[in-house]
PDB file of N, CA and C in Angstrom:
ATOM      1  N   MET A   1     103.278 106.920  90.983  1.00  0.00           N
ATOM      2  CA  MET A   1     103.011 106.040  92.117  1.00  0.00           C
ATOM      3  C   MET A   1     104.351 105.461  92.607  1.00  0.00           C
ATOM      4  N   ASN A   2     104.621 105.587  93.875  1.00  0.00           N
ATOM      5  CA  ASN A   2     105.889 105.068  94.344  1.00  0.00           C
ATOM      6  C   ASN A   2     105.840 103.552  94.491  1.00  0.00           C
ATOM      7  N   LEU A   3     106.972 102.946  94.686  1.00  0.00           N
ATOM      8  CA  LEU A   3     107.104 101.500  94.686  1.00  0.00           C
ATOM      9  C   LEU A   3     106.301 100.847  95.791  1.00  0.00           C
ATOM     10  N   GLN A   4     106.277 101.428  96.963  1.00  0.00           N
ATOM     11  CA  GLN A   4     105.544 100.842  98.088  1.00  0.00           C
ATOM     12  C   GLN A   4     104.048 100.772  97.800  1.00  0.00           C
ATOM     13  N   LYS A   5     103.487 101.836  97.234  1.00  0.00           N
ATOM     14  CA  LYS A   5     102.068 101.815  96.897  1.00  0.00           C
ATOM     15  C   LYS A   5     101.761 100.830  95.793  1.00  0.00           C
ATOM     16  N   LYS A   6     102.696 100.733  94.850  1.00  0.00           N
ATOM     17  CA  LYS A   6     102.498  99.804  93.721  1.00  0.00           C
ATOM     18  C   LYS A   6     102.498  98.355  94.199  1.00  0.00           C
ATOM     19  N   ASN A   7     103.437  98.037  95.096  1.00  0.00           N
ATOM     20  CA  ASN A   7     103.509  96.684  95.665  1.00  0.00           C
ATOM     21  C   ASN A   7     102.268  96.345  96.463  1.00  0.00           C
ATOM     22  N   ARG A   8     101.783  97.307  97.254  1.00  0.00           N
ATOM     23  CA  ARG A   8     100.565  97.074  98.066  1.00  0.00           C
ATOM     24  C   ARG A   8      99.376  96.840  97.156  1.00  0.00           C
ATOM     25  N   ALA A   9      99.264  97.623  96.068  1.00  0.00           N
ATOM     26  CA  ALA A   9      98.172  97.459  95.155  1.00  0.00           C
ATOM     27  C   ALA A   9      98.217  96.084  94.474  1.00  0.00           C
ATOM     28  N   ARG A  10      99.406  95.632  94.104  1.00  0.00           N
ATOM     29  CA  ARG A  10      99.529  94.280  93.483  1.00  0.00           C
ATOM     30  C   ARG A  10      99.119  93.193  94.487  1.00  0.00           C
ATOM     31  N   ARG A  11      99.566  93.340  95.738  1.00  0.00           N
ATOM     32  CA  ARG A  11      99.245  92.359  96.781  1.00  0.00           C
ATOM     33  C   ARG A  11      97.746  92.267  96.998  1.00  0.00           C
ATOM     34  N   LEU A  12      97.066  93.440  97.055  1.00  0.00           N
ATOM     35  CA  LEU A  12      95.627  93.442  97.239  1.00  0.00           C
ATOM     36  C   LEU A  12      94.916  92.826  96.069  1.00  0.00           C
ATOM     37  N   ARG A  13      95.389  93.076  94.842  1.00  0.00           N
ATOM     38  CA  ARG A  13      94.780  92.479  93.658  1.00  0.00           C
ATOM     39  C   ARG A  13      94.873  90.956  93.718  1.00  0.00           C
ATOM     40  N   ARG A  14      96.053  90.430  94.113  1.00  0.00           N
ATOM     41  CA  ARG A  14      96.211  88.976  94.223  1.00  0.00           C
ATOM     42  C   ARG A  14      95.262  88.412  95.295  1.00  0.00           C
ATOM     43  N   ALA A  15      95.147  89.102  96.429  1.00  0.00           N
ATOM     44  CA  ALA A  15      94.263  88.633  97.517  1.00  0.00           C
ATOM     45  C   ALA A  15      92.811  88.613  97.063  1.00  0.00           C
ATOM     46  N   PHE A  16      92.364  89.652  96.359  1.00  0.00           N
ATOM     47  CA  PHE A  16      90.969  89.700  95.906  1.00  0.00           C
ATOM     48  C   PHE A  16      90.701  88.615  94.864  1.00  0.00           C
ATOM     49  N   ARG A  17      91.688  88.314  94.037  1.00  0.00           N
ATOM     50  CA  ARG A  17      91.555  87.276  93.011  1.00  0.00           C
ATOM     51  C   ARG A  17      91.298  85.916  93.680  1.00  0.00           C
ATOM     52  N   VAL A  18      91.973  85.666  94.797  1.00  0.00           N
ATOM     53  CA  VAL A  18      91.764  84.413  95.531  1.00  0.00           C
ATOM     54  C   VAL A  18      90.402  84.449  96.247  1.00  0.00           C
ATOM     55  N   ARG A  19      90.089  85.576  96.901  1.00  0.00           N
ATOM     56  CA  ARG A  19      88.895  85.649  97.732  1.00  0.00           C
ATOM     57  C   ARG A  19      87.601  85.715  96.957  1.00  0.00           C
ATOM     58  N   LYS A  20      87.650  86.031  95.675  1.00  0.00           N
ATOM     59  CA  LYS A  20      86.387  86.055  94.924  1.00  0.00           C
ATOM     60  C   LYS A  20      85.842  84.659  94.699  1.00  0.00           C
ATOM     61  N   THR A  21      86.668  83.630  94.824  1.00  0.00           N
ATOM     62  CA  THR A  21      86.204  82.281  94.692  1.00  0.00           C
ATOM     63  C   THR A  21      86.059  81.547  96.009  1.00  0.00           C
ATOM     64  N   VAL A  22      86.694  82.048  97.080  1.00  0.00           N
ATOM     65  CA  VAL A  22      86.682  81.384  98.361  1.00  0.00           C
ATOM     66  C   VAL A  22      85.748  82.148  99.303  1.00  0.00           C
ATOM     67  N   ARG A  23      84.667  81.520  99.718  1.00  0.00           N
ATOM     68  CA  ARG A  23      83.735  82.104 100.655  1.00  0.00           C
ATOM     69  C   ARG A  23      83.550  81.151 101.817  1.00  0.00           C
ATOM     70  N   GLY A  24      83.535  81.704 103.015  1.00  0.00           N
ATOM     71  CA  GLY A  24      83.309  80.886 104.210  1.00  0.00           C
ATOM     72  C   GLY A  24      81.858  80.960 104.651  1.00  0.00           C
ATOM     73  N   ALA A  25      81.331  79.864 105.129  1.00  0.00           N
ATOM     74  CA  ALA A  25      79.968  79.827 105.641  1.00  0.00           C
ATOM     75  C   ALA A  25      80.018  79.197 107.026  1.00  0.00           C
ATOM     76  N   ALA A  26      78.865  79.131 107.688  1.00  0.00           N
ATOM     77  CA  ALA A  26      78.835  78.552 109.038  1.00  0.00           C
ATOM     78  C   ALA A  26      79.263  77.076 109.022  1.00  0.00           C
ATOM     79  N   GLU A  27      78.798  76.317 107.981  1.00  0.00           N
ATOM     80  CA  GLU A  27      79.125  74.905 107.949  1.00  0.00           C
ATOM     81  C   GLU A  27      80.516  74.669 107.343  1.00  0.00           C
ATOM     82  N   ARG A  28      81.042  75.626 106.571  1.00  0.00           N
ATOM     83  CA  ARG A  28      82.391  75.481 105.987  1.00  0.00           C
ATOM     84  C   ARG A  28      83.095  76.848 106.019  1.00  0.00           C
ATOM     85  N   PRO A  29      83.696  77.219 107.167  1.00  0.00           N
ATOM     86  CA  PRO A  29      84.322  78.527 107.299  1.00  0.00           C
ATOM     87  C   PRO A  29      85.600  78.635 106.486  1.00  0.00           C
ATOM     88  N   ARG A  30      86.087  79.853 106.360  1.00  0.00           N
ATOM     89  CA  ARG A  30      87.299  80.159 105.594  1.00  0.00           C
ATOM     90  C   ARG A  30      88.482  80.167 106.541  1.00  0.00           C
ATOM     91  N   LEU A  31      89.504  79.388 106.207  1.00  0.00           N
ATOM     92  CA  LEU A  31      90.752  79.384 106.963  1.00  0.00           C
ATOM     93  C   LEU A  31      91.688  80.397 106.328  1.00  0.00           C
ATOM     94  N   SER A  32      91.772  81.574 106.933  1.00  0.00           N
ATOM     95  CA  SER A  32      92.549  82.675 106.393  1.00  0.00           C
ATOM     96  C   SER A  32      93.922  82.709 107.007  1.00  0.00           C
ATOM     97  N   VAL A  33      94.943  82.936 106.165  1.00  0.00           N
ATOM     98  CA  VAL A  33      96.336  82.955 106.619  1.00  0.00           C
ATOM     99  C   VAL A  33      96.910  84.339 106.359  1.00  0.00           C
ATOM    100  N   PHE A  34      97.591  84.876 107.398  1.00  0.00           N
ATOM    101  CA  PHE A  34      98.347  86.125 107.224  1.00  0.00           C
ATOM    102  C   PHE A  34      99.787  85.861 107.659  1.00  0.00           C
ATOM    103  N   ARG A  35     100.690  86.278 106.810  1.00  0.00           N
ATOM    104  CA  ARG A  35     102.093  86.049 107.048  1.00  0.00           C
ATOM    105  C   ARG A  35     102.822  87.384 107.159  1.00  0.00           C
ATOM    106  N   SER A  36     103.482  87.622 108.271  1.00  0.00           N
ATOM    107  CA  SER A  36     104.283  88.826 108.400  1.00  0.00           C
ATOM    108  C   SER A  36     105.760  88.422 108.396  1.00  0.00           C
ATOM    109  N   GLY A  37     106.626  89.351 108.568  1.00  0.00           N
ATOM    110  CA  GLY A  37     108.050  89.050 108.575  1.00  0.00           C
ATOM    111  C   GLY A  37     108.474  88.206 109.759  1.00  0.00           C
ATOM    112  N   LYS A  38     107.835  88.399 110.902  1.00  0.00           N
ATOM    113  CA  LYS A  38     108.214  87.695 112.115  1.00  0.00           C
ATOM    114  C   LYS A  38     107.264  86.576 112.498  1.00  0.00           C
ATOM    115  N   HIS A  39     105.993  86.652 112.123  1.00  0.00           N
ATOM    116  CA  HIS A  39     104.979  85.696 112.607  1.00  0.00           C
ATOM    117  C   HIS A  39     104.062  85.238 111.507  1.00  0.00           C
ATOM    118  N   ILE A  40     103.263  84.235 111.830  1.00  0.00           N
ATOM    119  CA  ILE A  40     102.205  83.745 110.924  1.00  0.00           C
ATOM    120  C   ILE A  40     100.943  83.597 111.747  1.00  0.00           C
ATOM    121  N   TYR A  41      99.819  83.969 111.169  1.00  0.00           N
ATOM    122  CA  TYR A  41      98.532  83.984 111.846  1.00  0.00           C
ATOM    123  C   TYR A  41      97.536  83.195 111.015  1.00  0.00           C
ATOM    124  N   ALA A  42      96.602  82.517 111.674  1.00  0.00           N
ATOM    125  CA  ALA A  42      95.540  81.804 110.996  1.00  0.00           C
ATOM    126  C   ALA A  42      94.246  81.985 111.774  1.00  0.00           C
ATOM    127  N   GLN A  43      93.143  82.131 111.037  1.00  0.00           N
ATOM    128  CA  GLN A  43      91.859  82.261 111.720  1.00  0.00           C
ATOM    129  C   GLN A  43      90.752  81.657 110.864  1.00  0.00           C
ATOM    130  N   LEU A  44      89.725  81.139 111.512  1.00  0.00           N
ATOM    131  CA  LEU A  44      88.548  80.620 110.840  1.00  0.00           C
ATOM    132  C   LEU A  44      87.475  81.699 110.850  1.00  0.00           C
ATOM    133  N   ILE A  45      86.974  82.045 109.651  1.00  0.00           N
ATOM    134  CA  ILE A  45      86.054  83.154 109.514  1.00  0.00           C
ATOM    135  C   ILE A  45      84.765  82.677 108.886  1.00  0.00           C
ATOM    136  N   ASP A  46      83.633  83.055 109.486  1.00  0.00           N
ATOM    137  CA  ASP A  46      82.310  82.837 108.905  1.00  0.00           C
ATOM    138  C   ASP A  46      81.948  84.123 108.159  1.00  0.00           C
ATOM    139  N   ASP A  47      81.994  84.091 106.826  1.00  0.00           N
ATOM    140  CA  ASP A  47      81.741  85.287 106.051  1.00  0.00           C
ATOM    141  C   ASP A  47      80.271  85.707 106.058  1.00  0.00           C
ATOM    142  N   GLY A  48      79.387  84.788 106.391  1.00  0.00           N
ATOM    143  CA  GLY A  48      77.962  85.137 106.472  1.00  0.00           C
ATOM    144  C   GLY A  48      77.679  86.138 107.599  1.00  0.00           C
ATOM    145  N   THR A  49      78.284  85.935 108.742  1.00  0.00           N
ATOM    146  CA  THR A  49      78.089  86.826 109.872  1.00  0.00           C
ATOM    147  C   THR A  49      79.265  87.788 110.050  1.00  0.00           C
ATOM    148  N   GLY A  50      80.380  87.520 109.354  1.00  0.00           N
ATOM    149  CA  GLY A  50      81.537  88.376 109.482  1.00  0.00           C
ATOM    150  C   GLY A  50      82.270  88.185 110.800  1.00  0.00           C
ATOM    151  N   SER A  51      82.182  87.001 111.377  1.00  0.00           N
ATOM    152  CA  SER A  51      82.796  86.778 112.676  1.00  0.00           C
ATOM    153  C   SER A  51      83.933  85.765 112.616  1.00  0.00           C
ATOM    154  N   THR A  52      84.863  85.902 113.514  1.00  0.00           N
ATOM    155  CA  THR A  52      85.982  84.967 113.637  1.00  0.00           C
ATOM    156  C   THR A  52      85.594  83.893 114.634  1.00  0.00           C
ATOM    157  N   LEU A  53      85.666  82.652 114.184  1.00  0.00           N
ATOM    158  CA  LEU A  53      85.260  81.505 115.038  1.00  0.00           C
ATOM    159  C   LEU A  53      86.397  81.087 115.982  1.00  0.00           C
ATOM    160  N   CYS A  54      87.616  81.012 115.467  1.00  0.00           N
ATOM    161  CA  CYS A  54      88.781  80.738 116.288  1.00  0.00           C
ATOM    162  C   CYS A  54      90.005  81.222 115.565  1.00  0.00           C
ATOM    163  N   ALA A  55      91.082  81.409 116.307  1.00  0.00           N
ATOM    164  CA  ALA A  55      92.316  81.929 115.714  1.00  0.00           C
ATOM    165  C   ALA A  55      93.527  81.362 116.464  1.00  0.00           C
ATOM    166  N   SER A  56      94.655  81.428 115.778  1.00  0.00           N
ATOM    167  CA  SER A  56      95.917  81.005 116.363  1.00  0.00           C
ATOM    168  C   SER A  56      97.026  81.781 115.693  1.00  0.00           C
ATOM    169  N   SER A  57      98.124  81.960 116.432  1.00  0.00           N
ATOM    170  CA  SER A  57      99.251  82.659 115.844  1.00  0.00           C
ATOM    171  C   SER A  57     100.570  82.178 116.461  1.00  0.00           C
ATOM    172  N   SER A  58     101.623  82.371 115.713  1.00  0.00           N
ATOM    173  CA  SER A  58     102.940  82.007 116.239  1.00  0.00           C
ATOM    174  C   SER A  58     103.346  82.962 117.330  1.00  0.00           C
ATOM    175  N   ARG A  59     102.729  84.100 117.368  1.00  0.00           N
ATOM    176  CA  ARG A  59     103.016  85.077 118.429  1.00  0.00           C
ATOM    177  C   ARG A  59     102.577  84.519 119.790  1.00  0.00           C
ATOM    178  N   GLN A  60     101.409  83.850 119.809  1.00  0.00           N
ATOM    179  CA  GLN A  60     100.927  83.210 121.051  1.00  0.00           C
ATOM    180  C   GLN A  60     101.749  81.988 121.387  1.00  0.00           C
ATOM    181  N   LEU A  61     102.019  81.161 120.397  1.00  0.00           N
ATOM    182  CA  LEU A  61     102.619  79.851 120.630  1.00  0.00           C
ATOM    183  C   LEU A  61     104.122  79.870 120.787  1.00  0.00           C
ATOM    184  N   CYS A  62     104.810  80.754 120.053  1.00  0.00           N
ATOM    185  CA  CYS A  62     106.269  80.662 119.977  1.00  0.00           C
ATOM    186  C   CYS A  62     107.012  81.786 120.646  1.00  0.00           C
ATOM    187  N   GLY A  63     106.334  82.866 120.989  1.00  0.00           N
ATOM    188  CA  GLY A  63     107.033  83.961 121.644  1.00  0.00           C
ATOM    189  C   GLY A  63     107.559  84.995 120.712  1.00  0.00           C
ATOM    190  N   ALA A  64     108.820  85.435 120.940  1.00  0.00           N
ATOM    191  CA  ALA A  64     109.384  86.576 120.250  1.00  0.00           C
ATOM    192  C   ALA A  64     109.505  86.399 118.740  1.00  0.00           C
ATOM    193  N   TYR A  65     109.986  85.261 118.285  1.00  0.00           N
ATOM    194  CA  TYR A  65     110.111  85.054 116.849  1.00  0.00           C
ATOM    195  C   TYR A  65     109.414  83.759 116.455  1.00  0.00           C
ATOM    196  N   GLY A  66     108.481  83.871 115.519  1.00  0.00           N
ATOM    197  CA  GLY A  66     107.742  82.705 115.092  1.00  0.00           C
ATOM    198  C   GLY A  66     107.639  82.610 113.582  1.00  0.00           C
ATOM    199  N   GLY A  67     108.696  83.016 112.881  1.00  0.00           N
ATOM    200  CA  GLY A  67     108.645  83.086 111.429  1.00  0.00           C
ATOM    201  C   GLY A  67     109.132  81.863 110.712  1.00  0.00           C
ATOM    202  N   ALA A  68     109.468  80.802 111.386  1.00  0.00           N
ATOM    203  CA  ALA A  68     110.011  79.623 110.780  1.00  0.00           C
ATOM    204  C   ALA A  68     108.900  78.665 110.319  1.00  0.00           C
ATOM    205  N   VAL A  69     109.280  77.736 109.446  1.00  0.00           N
ATOM    206  CA  VAL A  69     108.338  76.726 108.955  1.00  0.00           C
ATOM    207  C   VAL A  69     107.855  75.836 110.101  1.00  0.00           C
ATOM    208  N   ALA A  70     108.717  75.521 111.031  1.00  0.00           N
ATOM    209  CA  ALA A  70     108.333  74.700 112.178  1.00  0.00           C
ATOM    210  C   ALA A  70     107.255  75.409 113.020  1.00  0.00           C
ATOM    211  N   HIS A  71     107.359  76.707 113.136  1.00  0.00           N
ATOM    212  CA  HIS A  71     106.358  77.452 113.898  1.00  0.00           C
ATOM    213  C   HIS A  71     105.025  77.497 113.128  1.00  0.00           C
ATOM    214  N   ALA A  72     105.090  77.559 111.820  1.00  0.00           N
ATOM    215  CA  ALA A  72     103.874  77.530 110.990  1.00  0.00           C
ATOM    216  C   ALA A  72     103.157  76.209 111.196  1.00  0.00           C
ATOM    217  N   LYS A  73     103.908  75.114 111.327  1.00  0.00           N
ATOM    218  CA  LYS A  73     103.296  73.802 111.543  1.00  0.00           C
ATOM    219  C   LYS A  73     102.558  73.819 112.881  1.00  0.00           C
ATOM    220  N   GLN A  74     103.150  74.405 113.901  1.00  0.00           N
ATOM    221  CA  GLN A  74     102.506  74.481 115.207  1.00  0.00           C
ATOM    222  C   GLN A  74     101.197  75.279 115.130  1.00  0.00           C
ATOM    223  N   VAL A  75     101.186  76.363 114.397  1.00  0.00           N
ATOM    224  CA  VAL A  75      99.995  77.189 114.244  1.00  0.00           C
ATOM    225  C   VAL A  75      98.913  76.411 113.506  1.00  0.00           C
ATOM    226  N   GLY A  76      99.286  75.670 112.456  1.00  0.00           N
ATOM    227  CA  GLY A  76      98.306  74.882 111.706  1.00  0.00           C
ATOM    228  C   GLY A  76      97.691  73.798 112.575  1.00  0.00           C
ATOM    229  N   ALA A  77      98.517  73.133 113.366  1.00  0.00           N
ATOM    230  CA  ALA A  77      97.988  72.099 114.260  1.00  0.00           C
ATOM    231  C   ALA A  77      97.094  72.697 115.324  1.00  0.00           C
ATOM    232  N   ASP A  78      97.452  73.853 115.848  1.00  0.00           N
ATOM    233  CA  ASP A  78      96.671  74.484 116.901  1.00  0.00           C
ATOM    234  C   ASP A  78      95.306  74.976 116.375  1.00  0.00           C
ATOM    235  N   VAL A  79      95.276  75.579 115.214  1.00  0.00           N
ATOM    236  CA  VAL A  79      94.002  76.062 114.683  1.00  0.00           C
ATOM    237  C   VAL A  79      93.132  74.877 114.316  1.00  0.00           C
ATOM    238  N   ALA A  80      93.711  73.774 113.843  1.00  0.00           N
ATOM    239  CA  ALA A  80      92.918  72.592 113.547  1.00  0.00           C
ATOM    240  C   ALA A  80      92.319  71.990 114.823  1.00  0.00           C
ATOM    241  N   GLN A  81      93.105  71.974 115.856  1.00  0.00           N
ATOM    242  CA  GLN A  81      92.609  71.456 117.157  1.00  0.00           C
ATOM    243  C   GLN A  81      91.439  72.292 117.669  1.00  0.00           C
ATOM    244  N   LYS A  82      91.556  73.610 117.568  1.00  0.00           N
ATOM    245  CA  LYS A  82      90.484  74.496 118.014  1.00  0.00           C
ATOM    246  C   LYS A  82      89.241  74.320 117.139  1.00  0.00           C
ATOM    247  N   ALA A  83      89.417  74.117 115.837  1.00  0.00           N
ATOM    248  CA  ALA A  83      88.300  73.918 114.935  1.00  0.00           C
ATOM    249  C   ALA A  83      87.587  72.623 115.243  1.00  0.00           C
ATOM    250  N   LEU A  84      88.318  71.568 115.477  1.00  0.00           N
ATOM    251  CA  LEU A  84      87.694  70.287 115.815  1.00  0.00           C
ATOM    252  C   LEU A  84      86.952  70.348 117.128  1.00  0.00           C
ATOM    253  N   ALA A  85      87.426  71.175 118.054  1.00  0.00           N
ATOM    254  CA  ALA A  85      86.708  71.373 119.337  1.00  0.00           C
ATOM    255  C   ALA A  85      85.368  72.071 119.102  1.00  0.00           C
ATOM    256  N   LEU A  86      85.267  72.857 118.020  1.00  0.00           N
ATOM    257  CA  LEU A  86      84.013  73.511 117.657  1.00  0.00           C
ATOM    258  C   LEU A  86      83.175  72.689 116.699  1.00  0.00           C
ATOM    259  N   ASN A  87      83.575  71.406 116.477  1.00  0.00           N
ATOM    260  CA  ASN A  87      82.889  70.485 115.546  1.00  0.00           C
ATOM    261  C   ASN A  87      82.935  70.983 114.095  1.00  0.00           C
ATOM    262  N   ILE A  88      84.048  71.570 113.711  1.00  0.00           N
ATOM    263  CA  ILE A  88      84.262  72.015 112.320  1.00  0.00           C
ATOM    264  C   ILE A  88      85.299  71.100 111.736  1.00  0.00           C
ATOM    265  N   LYS A  89      84.923  70.388 110.680  1.00  0.00           N
ATOM    266  CA  LYS A  89      85.857  69.459 110.008  1.00  0.00           C
ATOM    267  C   LYS A  89      86.233  69.919 108.629  1.00  0.00           C
ATOM    268  N   LYS A  90      85.350  70.663 107.951  1.00  0.00           N
ATOM    269  CA  LYS A  90      85.599  71.091 106.586  1.00  0.00           C
ATOM    270  C   LYS A  90      85.764  72.618 106.560  1.00  0.00           C
ATOM    271  N   VAL A  91      86.793  73.062 105.890  1.00  0.00           N
ATOM    272  CA  VAL A  91      87.073  74.500 105.746  1.00  0.00           C
ATOM    273  C   VAL A  91      87.460  74.809 104.288  1.00  0.00           C
ATOM    274  N   CYS A  92      87.412  76.102 103.943  1.00  0.00           N
ATOM    275  CA  CYS A  92      87.922  76.590 102.668  1.00  0.00           C
ATOM    276  C   CYS A  92      89.246  77.291 102.980  1.00  0.00           C
ATOM    277  N   PHE A  93      90.303  76.942 102.278  1.00  0.00           N
ATOM    278  CA  PHE A  93      91.626  77.500 102.567  1.00  0.00           C
ATOM    279  C   PHE A  93      91.804  78.792 101.768  1.00  0.00           C
ATOM    280  N   ASP A  94      92.120  79.863 102.466  1.00  0.00           N
ATOM    281  CA  ASP A  94      92.342  81.167 101.876  1.00  0.00           C
ATOM    282  C   ASP A  94      93.811  81.535 102.095  1.00  0.00           C
ATOM    283  N   ARG A  95      94.614  81.418 101.056  1.00  0.00           N
ATOM    284  CA  ARG A  95      96.034  81.708 101.168  1.00  0.00           C
ATOM    285  C   ARG A  95      96.314  83.198 101.019  1.00  0.00           C
ATOM    286  N   GLY A  96      95.298  83.984 100.729  1.00  0.00           N
ATOM    287  CA  GLY A  96      95.480  85.425 100.550  1.00  0.00           C
ATOM    288  C   GLY A  96      96.306  85.713  99.330  1.00  0.00           C
ATOM    289  N   ALA A  97      97.267  86.603  99.446  1.00  0.00           N
ATOM    290  CA  ALA A  97      98.116  86.997  98.323  1.00  0.00           C
ATOM    291  C   ALA A  97      99.418  86.180  98.289  1.00  0.00           C
ATOM    292  N   TYR A  98      99.533  85.193  99.163  1.00  0.00           N
ATOM    293  CA  TYR A  98     100.771  84.440  99.291  1.00  0.00           C
ATOM    294  C   TYR A  98     100.747  83.205  98.430  1.00  0.00           C
ATOM    295  N   ARG A  99     101.918  82.797  97.908  1.00  0.00           N
ATOM    296  CA  ARG A  99     102.019  81.568  97.156  1.00  0.00           C
ATOM    297  C   ARG A  99     101.845  80.397  98.126  1.00  0.00           C
ATOM    298  N   TYR A 100     101.346  79.289  97.605  1.00  0.00           N
ATOM    299  CA  TYR A 100     101.200  78.067  98.392  1.00  0.00           C
ATOM    300  C   TYR A 100     102.566  77.419  98.456  1.00  0.00           C
ATOM    301  N   HIS A 101     103.392  77.910  99.378  1.00  0.00           N
ATOM    302  CA  HIS A 101     104.782  77.526  99.409  1.00  0.00           C
ATOM    303  C   HIS A 101     105.342  77.893 100.778  1.00  0.00           C
ATOM    304  N   GLY A 102     106.301  77.159 101.278  1.00  0.00           N
ATOM    305  CA  GLY A 102     106.964  77.511 102.518  1.00  0.00           C
ATOM    306  C   GLY A 102     106.088  77.473 103.740  1.00  0.00           C
ATOM    307  N   ARG A 103     105.981  78.604 104.449  1.00  0.00           N
ATOM    308  CA  ARG A 103     105.253  78.655 105.691  1.00  0.00           C
ATOM    309  C   ARG A 103     103.748  78.439 105.484  1.00  0.00           C
ATOM    310  N   VAL A 104     103.198  78.953 104.408  1.00  0.00           N
ATOM    311  CA  VAL A 104     101.773  78.795 104.126  1.00  0.00           C
ATOM    312  C   VAL A 104     101.447  77.334 103.882  1.00  0.00           C
ATOM    313  N   ARG A 105     102.287  76.660 103.097  1.00  0.00           N
ATOM    314  CA  ARG A 105     102.081  75.256 102.831  1.00  0.00           C
ATOM    315  C   ARG A 105     102.256  74.401 104.084  1.00  0.00           C
ATOM    316  N   ALA A 106     103.236  74.745 104.933  1.00  0.00           N
ATOM    317  CA  ALA A 106     103.459  73.999 106.165  1.00  0.00           C
ATOM    318  C   ALA A 106     102.269  74.115 107.093  1.00  0.00           C
ATOM    319  N   LEU A 107     101.676  75.303 107.191  1.00  0.00           N
ATOM    320  CA  LEU A 107     100.481  75.508 107.998  1.00  0.00           C
ATOM    321  C   LEU A 107      99.326  74.677 107.476  1.00  0.00           C
ATOM    322  N   ALA A 108      99.126  74.665 106.184  1.00  0.00           N
ATOM    323  CA  ALA A 108      98.028  73.905 105.575  1.00  0.00           C
ATOM    324  C   ALA A 108      98.218  72.391 105.761  1.00  0.00           C
ATOM    325  N   ASP A 109      99.436  71.920 105.556  1.00  0.00           N
ATOM    326  CA  ASP A 109      99.694  70.470 105.724  1.00  0.00           C
ATOM    327  C   ASP A 109      99.499  70.025 107.166  1.00  0.00           C
ATOM    328  N   ALA A 110      99.912  70.858 108.111  1.00  0.00           N
ATOM    329  CA  ALA A 110      99.720  70.504 109.532  1.00  0.00           C
ATOM    330  C   ALA A 110      98.253  70.480 109.897  1.00  0.00           C
ATOM    331  N   ALA A 111      97.479  71.397 109.363  1.00  0.00           N
ATOM    332  CA  ALA A 111      96.032  71.430 109.629  1.00  0.00           C
ATOM    333  C   ALA A 111      95.379  70.172 109.051  1.00  0.00           C
ATOM    334  N   ARG A 112      95.801  69.772 107.872  1.00  0.00           N
ATOM    335  CA  ARG A 112      95.253  68.546 107.259  1.00  0.00           C
ATOM    336  C   ARG A 112      95.598  67.310 108.068  1.00  0.00           C
ATOM    337  N   GLU A 113      96.837  67.254 108.572  1.00  0.00           N
ATOM    338  CA  GLU A 113      97.260  66.099 109.372  1.00  0.00           C
ATOM    339  C   GLU A 113      96.470  65.962 110.650  1.00  0.00           C
ATOM    340  N   LYS A 114      96.035  67.082 111.207  1.00  0.00           N
ATOM    341  CA  LYS A 114      95.253  67.063 112.468  1.00  0.00           C
ATOM    342  C   LYS A 114      93.779  66.775 112.223  1.00  0.00           C
ATOM    343  N   GLY A 115      93.332  66.724 110.945  1.00  0.00           N
ATOM    344  CA  GLY A 115      91.969  66.321 110.698  1.00  0.00           C
ATOM    345  C   GLY A 115      91.085  67.281 109.953  1.00  0.00           C
ATOM    346  N   LEU A 116      91.557  68.477 109.595  1.00  0.00           N
ATOM    347  CA  LEU A 116      90.741  69.386 108.783  1.00  0.00           C
ATOM    348  C   LEU A 116      90.718  68.942 107.335  1.00  0.00           C
ATOM    349  N   GLU A 117      89.600  69.116 106.665  1.00  0.00           N
ATOM    350  CA  GLU A 117      89.466  68.762 105.264  1.00  0.00           C
ATOM    351  C   GLU A 117      89.307  70.026 104.426  1.00  0.00           C
ATOM    352  N   PHE A 118      90.168  70.153 103.410  1.00  0.00           N
ATOM    353  CA  PHE A 118      90.041  71.223 102.423  1.00  0.00           C
ATOM    354  C   PHE A 118      90.812  70.907 101.206  1.00  0.00           C
TER     355      PHE A 118
END
């Protein structure tokens, strides 16, 4: 198995380990975070119906490059604002395969500051 496949398999294992305990429902959706090299994305997902309730990304908000911690804070605040507009106050945080550190933590802290509970 080459290195790229091995790393992908490890990443998926970490993500499944987190997701086996985190489930989103209509009253408490899952706040899922995806981090790429250039951008960060967040969405609220209702796992019961398999639908995305709202989403936000640094690609929308920041333009060409949105990989900084400051941009992650903007995304967290934006997704929290959209959630509150849908009368959603409580969510389950799904960090995926990423450590709760840096951009992921900045997004979560900004969402909490704007009024989401998790």
